[in-house]
Amino acid sequence: MLQVLTITDFALIDHLELSLEPGFNVLTGETGAGKSIIVDA
């Protein structure tokens, strides 16, 4: 299972580290917030 997602120097993201918990994790945000960029990475 994916526990931590780290993205560095991708599109508009300099550095991001997401800790994912067991179960169902959801990315939410307004249009243009970068949700698709995280998924594409």
PDB file of N, CA and C in Angstrom:
ATOM      1  N   MET A   1       0.838  -1.173   0.000  1.00  0.00           N
ATOM      2  CA  MET A   1       0.000   0.000   0.000  1.00  0.00           C
ATOM      3  C   MET A   1       0.891   1.248   0.000  1.00  0.00           C
ATOM      4  N   LEU A   2       0.471   2.254  -0.727  1.00  0.00           N
ATOM      5  CA  LEU A   2       1.186   3.531  -0.778  1.00  0.00           C
ATOM      6  C   LEU A   2       0.981   4.272   0.541  1.00  0.00           C
ATOM      7  N   GLN A   3       2.078   4.606   1.218  1.00  0.00           N
ATOM      8  CA  GLN A   3       1.985   5.280   2.511  1.00  0.00           C
ATOM      9  C   GLN A   3       2.421   6.738   2.442  1.00  0.00           C
ATOM     10  N   VAL A   4       3.421   7.032   1.597  1.00  0.00           N
ATOM     11  CA  VAL A   4       3.922   8.398   1.459  1.00  0.00           C
ATOM     12  C   VAL A   4       4.150   8.673  -0.018  1.00  0.00           C
ATOM     13  N   LEU A   5       3.709   9.833  -0.476  1.00  0.00           N
ATOM     14  CA  LEU A   5       3.936  10.274  -1.849  1.00  0.00           C
ATOM     15  C   LEU A   5       4.799  11.521  -1.787  1.00  0.00           C
ATOM     16  N   THR A   6       5.973  11.475  -2.419  1.00  0.00           N
ATOM     17  CA  THR A   6       6.875  12.621  -2.455  1.00  0.00           C
ATOM     18  C   THR A   6       7.067  13.044  -3.903  1.00  0.00           C
ATOM     19  N   ILE A   7       6.855  14.330  -4.182  1.00  0.00           N
ATOM     20  CA  ILE A   7       7.023  14.887  -5.526  1.00  0.00           C
ATOM     21  C   ILE A   7       8.004  16.046  -5.414  1.00  0.00           C
ATOM     22  N   THR A   8       9.012  16.058  -6.277  1.00  0.00           N
ATOM     23  CA  THR A   8      10.007  17.126  -6.287  1.00  0.00           C
ATOM     24  C   THR A   8      10.225  17.604  -7.715  1.00  0.00           C
ATOM     25  N   ASP A   9      10.209  18.921  -7.912  1.00  0.00           N
ATOM     26  CA  ASP A   9      10.479  19.554  -9.210  1.00  0.00           C
ATOM     27  C   ASP A   9       9.631  18.976 -10.338  1.00  0.00           C
ATOM     28  N   PHE A  10       8.327  18.961 -10.166  1.00  0.00           N
ATOM     29  CA  PHE A  10       7.405  18.497 -11.208  1.00  0.00           C
ATOM     30  C   PHE A  10       6.374  19.585 -11.454  1.00  0.00           C
ATOM     31  N   ALA A  11       6.309  20.074 -12.698  1.00  0.00           N
ATOM     32  CA  ALA A  11       5.376  21.138 -13.087  1.00  0.00           C
ATOM     33  C   ALA A  11       5.509  22.316 -12.118  1.00  0.00           C
ATOM     34  N   LEU A  12       4.454  22.677 -11.426  1.00  0.00           N
ATOM     35  CA  LEU A  12       4.473  23.818 -10.501  1.00  0.00           C
ATOM     36  C   LEU A  12       4.902  23.450  -9.086  1.00  0.00           C
ATOM     37  N   ILE A  13       5.190  22.169  -8.854  1.00  0.00           N
ATOM     38  CA  ILE A  13       5.488  21.694  -7.499  1.00  0.00           C
ATOM     39  C   ILE A  13       6.997  21.657  -7.270  1.00  0.00           C
ATOM     40  N   ASP A  14       7.478  22.464  -6.315  1.00  0.00           N
ATOM     41  CA  ASP A  14       8.893  22.416  -5.935  1.00  0.00           C
ATOM     42  C   ASP A  14       9.156  21.185  -5.073  1.00  0.00           C
ATOM     43  N   HIS A  15       8.354  21.005  -4.033  1.00  0.00           N
ATOM     44  CA  HIS A  15       8.480  19.831  -3.162  1.00  0.00           C
ATOM     45  C   HIS A  15       7.160  19.609  -2.441  1.00  0.00           C
ATOM     46  N   LEU A  16       6.706  18.366  -2.449  1.00  0.00           N
ATOM     47  CA  LEU A  16       5.464  17.999  -1.768  1.00  0.00           C
ATOM     48  C   LEU A  16       5.627  16.617  -1.171  1.00  0.00           C
ATOM     49  N   GLU A  17       5.196  16.455   0.067  1.00  0.00           N
ATOM     50  CA  GLU A  17       5.191  15.144   0.707  1.00  0.00           C
ATOM     51  C   GLU A  17       3.823  14.923   1.334  1.00  0.00           C
ATOM     52  N   LEU A  18       3.117  13.890   0.865  1.00  0.00           N
ATOM     53  CA  LEU A  18       1.791  13.553   1.372  1.00  0.00           C
ATOM     54  C   LEU A  18       1.863  12.245   2.135  1.00  0.00           C
ATOM     55  N   SER A  19       1.362  12.239   3.348  1.00  0.00           N
ATOM     56  CA  SER A  19       1.231  11.001   4.118  1.00  0.00           C
ATOM     57  C   SER A  19      -0.177  10.475   3.899  1.00  0.00           C
ATOM     58  N   LEU A  20      -0.284   9.232   3.458  1.00  0.00           N
ATOM     59  CA  LEU A  20      -1.578   8.624   3.175  1.00  0.00           C
ATOM     60  C   LEU A  20      -1.901   7.607   4.258  1.00  0.00           C
ATOM     61  N   GLU A  21      -3.114   7.654   4.758  1.00  0.00           N
ATOM     62  CA  GLU A  21      -3.570   6.766   5.823  1.00  0.00           C
ATOM     63  C   GLU A  21      -4.262   5.547   5.222  1.00  0.00           C
ATOM     64  N   PRO A  22      -4.322   4.447   5.953  1.00  0.00           N
ATOM     65  CA  PRO A  22      -5.072   3.278   5.467  1.00  0.00           C
ATOM     66  C   PRO A  22      -6.534   3.650   5.230  1.00  0.00           C
ATOM     67  N   GLY A  23      -7.108   3.079   4.193  1.00  0.00           N
ATOM     68  CA  GLY A  23      -8.501   3.363   3.876  1.00  0.00           C
ATOM     69  C   GLY A  23      -8.614   4.213   2.630  1.00  0.00           C
ATOM     70  N   PHE A  24      -9.542   5.127   2.645  1.00  0.00           N
ATOM     71  CA  PHE A  24      -9.901   5.938   1.479  1.00  0.00           C
ATOM     72  C   PHE A  24      -9.342   7.344   1.647  1.00  0.00           C
ATOM     73  N   ASN A  25      -8.463   7.768   0.712  1.00  0.00           N
ATOM     74  CA  ASN A  25      -7.888   9.110   0.734  1.00  0.00           C
ATOM     75  C   ASN A  25      -8.422   9.887  -0.465  1.00  0.00           C
ATOM     76  N   VAL A  26      -8.772  11.150  -0.252  1.00  0.00           N
ATOM     77  CA  VAL A  26      -9.383  11.978  -1.288  1.00  0.00           C
ATOM     78  C   VAL A  26      -8.604  13.278  -1.425  1.00  0.00           C
ATOM     79  N   LEU A  27      -8.325  13.682  -2.688  1.00  0.00           N
ATOM     80  CA  LEU A  27      -7.748  14.996  -2.965  1.00  0.00           C
ATOM     81  C   LEU A  27      -8.886  15.918  -3.387  1.00  0.00           C
ATOM     82  N   THR A  28      -9.059  17.019  -2.670  1.00  0.00           N
ATOM     83  CA  THR A  28     -10.092  17.989  -3.028  1.00  0.00           C
ATOM     84  C   THR A  28      -9.469  19.370  -3.124  1.00  0.00           C
ATOM     85  N   GLY A  29     -10.104  20.234  -3.880  1.00  0.00           N
ATOM     86  CA  GLY A  29      -9.639  21.605  -4.001  1.00  0.00           C
ATOM     87  C   GLY A  29     -10.364  22.304  -5.125  1.00  0.00           C
ATOM     88  N   GLU A  30     -10.224  23.611  -5.164  1.00  0.00           N
ATOM     89  CA  GLU A  30     -10.867  24.404  -6.197  1.00  0.00           C
ATOM     90  C   GLU A  30     -10.189  24.169  -7.542  1.00  0.00           C
ATOM     91  N   THR A  31     -10.854  24.599  -8.599  1.00  0.00           N
ATOM     92  CA  THR A  31     -10.294  24.522  -9.943  1.00  0.00           C
ATOM     93  C   THR A  31      -8.964  25.271  -9.975  1.00  0.00           C
ATOM     94  N   GLY A  32      -7.941  24.624 -10.540  1.00  0.00           N
ATOM     95  CA  GLY A  32      -6.630  25.248 -10.638  1.00  0.00           C
ATOM     96  C   GLY A  32      -5.752  25.069  -9.413  1.00  0.00           C
ATOM     97  N   ALA A  33      -6.214  24.293  -8.447  1.00  0.00           N
ATOM     98  CA  ALA A  33      -5.444  24.110  -7.210  1.00  0.00           C
ATOM     99  C   ALA A  33      -4.259  23.167  -7.387  1.00  0.00           C
ATOM    100  N   GLY A  34      -4.277  22.307  -8.435  1.00  0.00           N
ATOM    101  CA  GLY A  34      -3.159  21.403  -8.690  1.00  0.00           C
ATOM    102  C   GLY A  34      -3.447  19.934  -8.459  1.00  0.00           C
ATOM    103  N   LYS A  35      -4.705  19.573  -8.298  1.00  0.00           N
ATOM    104  CA  LYS A  35      -5.055  18.162  -8.062  1.00  0.00           C
ATOM    105  C   LYS A  35      -4.592  17.275  -9.213  1.00  0.00           C
ATOM    106  N   SER A  36      -4.841  17.683 -10.434  1.00  0.00           N
ATOM    107  CA  SER A  36      -4.449  16.887 -11.603  1.00  0.00           C
ATOM    108  C   SER A  36      -2.937  16.782 -11.737  1.00  0.00           C
ATOM    109  N   ILE A  37      -2.219  17.815 -11.356  1.00  0.00           N
ATOM    110  CA  ILE A  37      -0.752  17.774 -11.403  1.00  0.00           C
ATOM    111  C   ILE A  37      -0.236  16.691 -10.462  1.00  0.00           C
ATOM    112  N   ILE A  38      -0.822  16.592  -9.274  1.00  0.00           N
ATOM    113  CA  ILE A  38      -0.407  15.561  -8.318  1.00  0.00           C
ATOM    114  C   ILE A  38      -0.684  14.175  -8.883  1.00  0.00           C
ATOM    115  N   VAL A  39      -1.846  13.979  -9.477  1.00  0.00           N
ATOM    116  CA  VAL A  39      -2.202  12.674 -10.053  1.00  0.00           C
ATOM    117  C   VAL A  39      -1.289  12.346 -11.230  1.00  0.00           C
ATOM    118  N   ASP A  40      -0.967  13.322 -12.080  1.00  0.00           N
ATOM    119  CA  ASP A  40      -0.097  13.092 -13.241  1.00  0.00           C
ATOM    120  C   ASP A  40       1.333  12.754 -12.837  1.00  0.00           C
ATOM    121  N   ALA A  41       1.775  13.280 -11.698  1.00  0.00           N
ATOM    122  CA  ALA A  41       3.147  13.026 -11.254  1.00  0.00           C
ATOM    123  C   ALA A  41       3.314  11.560 -10.925  1.00  0.00           C
TER     124      ALA A  41
END
